[in-house]
Structures are given as C-alpha cells and as structure tokens.
Amino acid sequence: MCAWDQSHYPSAVTIALEEAGKKGDRHTMIKLTRVYEPVGSADGARYLVERLWPRGMKKTALRIDAWLKDVAPSTTLRRWFNHDPKKWGEFQRRYRRELNANPDALRPILNAAQRGNVALVYSSHDAEHNNAVVLKEYVEEKLEKKSNPPRKSAA
C-alpha cells in the first residue's frame, strides 16, 4: 500500500474546472488540424482558414462548418512568406496587422468559441509556421480580453 496522499495534489479534473471557472462557465479549446487529418470528436465547429482550396480535397470530403477565406493572409502576404521559416517573425507581425484591419472576418470563430470548441483547419505541411498558428494565438488573445475586460481604476 502506498503512503502517498492524493489530497495534497489536485486532480486533472479539478485543474480543468478551475481554469474553466477563470474563463467563464466552461473551457473552450481552439484546436489546429490539417485538412488531411480525420475529424475529431472534440473538434466542435470546424473552419477552413485558407484563401485557396486545399489540393486534392473534394468539397464533400472536408467536413467544415464554413470556409473563412477572409481570415486567411492576403494573397500578397501568402506569396511573400512562401512558408519560409526565416520570414516567420515578420509574417506573424504582418498577418496580425491584416487581422486587426478586418475584425468582422473573425466573428464566426469568436462566436463559435463562445459556445464551445473550435477547430481551425489548414493545409500547410509545416505545422509550426503557418497562418493557423498565428490565428489561433490571435483568437485566444481576443477571447481572453473578452472574458477579462480591463478594470477601470478608482480615482
């Protein structure tokens, strides 16, 4: 018999509930998934976040709630970046600027995230250097600001 006392360590469920309590009544997960991966049971609303339709994918085969072309990087930015990791930092900065200039394009993702999980579906082979990675961080920051509005200081 082990003398280890579990009462001093919170369970994973307790931690998840505490985190959910900080963000409202539930915990929303923004997930990244490639178009070629199977649909996950916890995906929630699925949005294709590419300007171009993925090669080799039939529209009937890709189970998505919507194709959000307007949240994808502009054609000019996409061509400039060309998935070059050396340009990653500058790509993130420029893409965020584009997102800031078009807040209405994010509305479907933000609204869905208020209701539950969201999967941002992308086609890039590089899982670390693509627009969906930047978009996920951007959306999470927006959701955090919504759930924790700035407090007015007492004068």
Protein backbone atom coordinates (compact mmCIF):
# COMPACT_ATOMS: atom_id res chain seq x y z
CA MET A 1 0.00 0.00 0.00
CA CYS A 2 1.32 3.40 -0.93
CA ALA A 3 1.56 6.11 1.71
CA TRP A 4 1.21 8.82 -0.94
CA ASP A 5 -1.57 11.25 -0.01
CA GLN A 6 -3.53 12.34 -3.09
CA SER A 7 -5.42 15.04 -1.19
CA HIS A 8 -2.40 17.37 -1.46
CA TYR A 9 -2.43 17.20 -5.27
CA PRO A 10 -5.34 18.46 -7.34
CA SER A 11 -6.73 16.11 -9.95
CA ALA A 12 -6.66 16.95 -13.65
CA VAL A 13 -10.43 17.41 -13.48
CA THR A 14 -10.09 19.92 -10.63
CA ILE A 15 -7.47 21.89 -12.56
CA ALA A 16 -9.64 21.90 -15.71
CA LEU A 17 -12.65 23.10 -13.72
CA GLU A 18 -10.63 25.87 -12.08
CA GLU A 19 -9.34 27.01 -15.48
CA ALA A 20 -12.86 26.89 -16.90
CA GLY A 21 -14.07 28.97 -13.97
CA LYS A 22 -11.48 31.63 -14.78
CA LYS A 23 -12.74 31.88 -18.36
CA GLY A 24 -16.44 31.63 -17.63
CA ASP A 25 -18.53 28.54 -17.05
CA ARG A 26 -16.68 26.26 -19.46
CA HIS A 27 -13.34 25.73 -21.09
CA THR A 28 -13.10 26.43 -24.81
CA MET A 29 -10.38 24.76 -26.80
CA ILE A 30 -9.07 26.16 -30.07
CA LYS A 31 -7.52 23.28 -31.97
CA LEU A 32 -5.38 23.23 -35.10
CA THR A 33 -5.91 20.40 -37.54
CA ARG A 34 -4.67 19.67 -41.05
CA VAL A 35 -7.27 19.15 -43.76
CA TYR A 36 -5.97 15.62 -44.29
CA GLU A 37 -6.50 14.53 -40.66
CA PRO A 38 -9.74 12.82 -39.63
CA VAL A 39 -12.42 14.82 -37.86
CA GLY A 40 -12.01 14.62 -34.10
CA SER A 41 -14.92 14.09 -31.74
CA ALA A 42 -13.87 17.18 -29.73
CA ASP A 43 -13.31 19.45 -32.76
CA GLY A 44 -16.50 21.44 -32.31
CA ALA A 45 -17.08 24.00 -35.06
CA ARG A 46 -14.61 23.44 -37.92
CA TYR A 47 -13.42 26.34 -40.09
CA LEU A 48 -11.15 26.17 -43.10
CA VAL A 49 -8.80 29.16 -42.70
CA GLU A 50 -7.10 29.15 -46.10
CA ARG A 51 -7.52 31.53 -49.01
CA LEU A 52 -7.13 28.68 -51.54
CA TRP A 53 -8.98 25.36 -51.50
CA PRO A 54 -6.59 22.55 -50.44
CA ARG A 55 -5.16 20.47 -53.27
CA GLY A 56 -6.67 17.06 -53.73
CA MET A 57 -9.57 17.64 -51.32
CA LYS A 58 -13.11 17.19 -52.53
CA LYS A 59 -15.54 19.69 -51.07
CA THR A 60 -17.75 16.82 -49.95
CA ALA A 61 -14.85 15.10 -48.15
CA LEU A 62 -13.82 18.07 -45.99
CA ARG A 63 -16.29 18.36 -43.14
CA ILE A 64 -16.27 22.04 -42.22
CA ASP A 65 -18.83 24.50 -40.93
CA ALA A 66 -17.51 27.28 -43.16
CA TRP A 67 -14.64 28.31 -45.40
CA LEU A 68 -13.37 31.60 -43.97
CA LYS A 69 -11.21 32.95 -46.79
CA ASP A 70 -11.19 36.44 -45.30
CA VAL A 71 -9.32 35.38 -42.14
CA ALA A 72 -6.53 33.89 -44.25
CA PRO A 73 -3.49 36.02 -45.12
CA SER A 74 -3.80 38.16 -48.22
CA THR A 75 -2.51 36.71 -51.46
CA THR A 76 0.35 39.23 -51.38
CA LEU A 77 1.39 38.22 -47.84
CA ARG A 78 0.98 34.49 -48.55
CA ARG A 79 3.19 34.71 -51.64
CA TRP A 80 5.78 36.85 -49.84
CA PHE A 81 6.01 34.39 -46.91
CA ASN A 82 6.10 31.28 -49.12
CA HIS A 83 6.37 29.13 -45.94
CA ASP A 84 9.94 30.33 -45.33
CA PRO A 85 10.73 29.87 -41.60
CA LYS A 86 13.29 32.71 -41.82
CA LYS A 87 10.40 35.10 -42.50
CA TRP A 88 8.23 33.72 -39.69
CA GLY A 89 8.55 36.64 -37.26
CA GLU A 90 7.78 39.25 -39.89
CA PHE A 91 4.95 37.12 -41.30
CA GLN A 92 3.29 36.99 -37.86
CA ARG A 93 3.54 40.76 -37.47
CA ARG A 94 2.12 41.47 -40.93
CA TYR A 95 -0.64 38.88 -40.61
CA ARG A 96 -1.74 40.26 -37.24
CA ARG A 97 -1.91 43.69 -38.83
CA GLU A 98 -4.22 42.25 -41.51
CA LEU A 99 -6.39 40.61 -38.84
CA ASN A 100 -6.62 43.88 -36.91
CA ALA A 101 -7.78 45.62 -40.09
CA ASN A 102 -10.58 43.08 -40.66
CA PRO A 103 -12.20 42.25 -37.29
CA ASP A 104 -15.53 41.22 -38.85
CA ALA A 105 -13.86 38.24 -40.54
CA LEU A 106 -13.13 36.75 -37.09
CA ARG A 107 -16.72 36.98 -35.89
CA PRO A 108 -17.75 33.39 -36.82
CA ILE A 109 -14.75 31.95 -34.96
CA LEU A 110 -15.23 34.15 -31.89
CA ASN A 111 -18.97 33.42 -31.76
CA ALA A 112 -18.40 29.67 -32.08
CA ALA A 113 -15.72 29.78 -29.37
CA GLN A 114 -18.26 31.37 -27.00
CA ARG A 115 -20.38 28.22 -27.45
CA GLY A 116 -17.70 25.52 -27.45
CA ASN A 117 -14.63 24.07 -29.11
CA VAL A 118 -13.32 25.29 -32.46
CA ALA A 119 -11.01 23.60 -34.96
CA LEU A 120 -9.01 25.81 -37.33
CA VAL A 121 -8.41 23.67 -40.40
CA TYR A 122 -5.32 24.40 -42.51
CA SER A 123 -3.46 22.75 -45.38
CA SER A 124 0.19 23.65 -44.79
CA HIS A 125 2.70 20.81 -44.40
CA ASP A 126 4.58 22.87 -41.78
CA ALA A 127 2.61 22.59 -38.54
CA GLU A 128 4.69 25.27 -36.76
CA HIS A 129 4.96 28.01 -39.39
CA ASN A 130 1.53 28.64 -40.88
CA ASN A 131 -1.29 31.15 -40.66
CA ALA A 132 -3.47 28.89 -38.47
CA VAL A 133 -0.84 29.01 -35.69
CA VAL A 134 -0.92 32.81 -35.68
CA LEU A 135 -4.71 32.89 -35.98
CA LYS A 136 -5.12 30.52 -33.00
CA GLU A 137 -2.96 32.74 -30.78
CA TYR A 138 -4.77 35.84 -32.02
CA VAL A 139 -8.23 34.37 -31.32
CA GLU A 140 -7.17 33.16 -27.87
CA GLU A 141 -5.94 36.66 -27.04
CA LYS A 142 -9.27 38.15 -28.17
CA LEU A 143 -11.22 35.63 -26.10
CA GLU A 144 -9.05 36.34 -23.05
CA LYS A 145 -9.70 40.07 -23.39
CA LYS A 146 -13.44 39.40 -23.69
CA SER A 147 -13.54 37.25 -20.56
CA ASN A 148 -11.24 39.57 -18.58
CA PRO A 149 -12.12 43.14 -19.59
CA PRO A 150 -9.76 45.84 -18.30
CA ARG A 151 -10.81 47.22 -14.95
CA LYS A 152 -11.38 50.91 -14.51
CA SER A 153 -9.08 52.36 -11.90
CA ALA A 154 -10.61 54.10 -8.92
CA ALA A 155 -9.90 57.79 -8.96
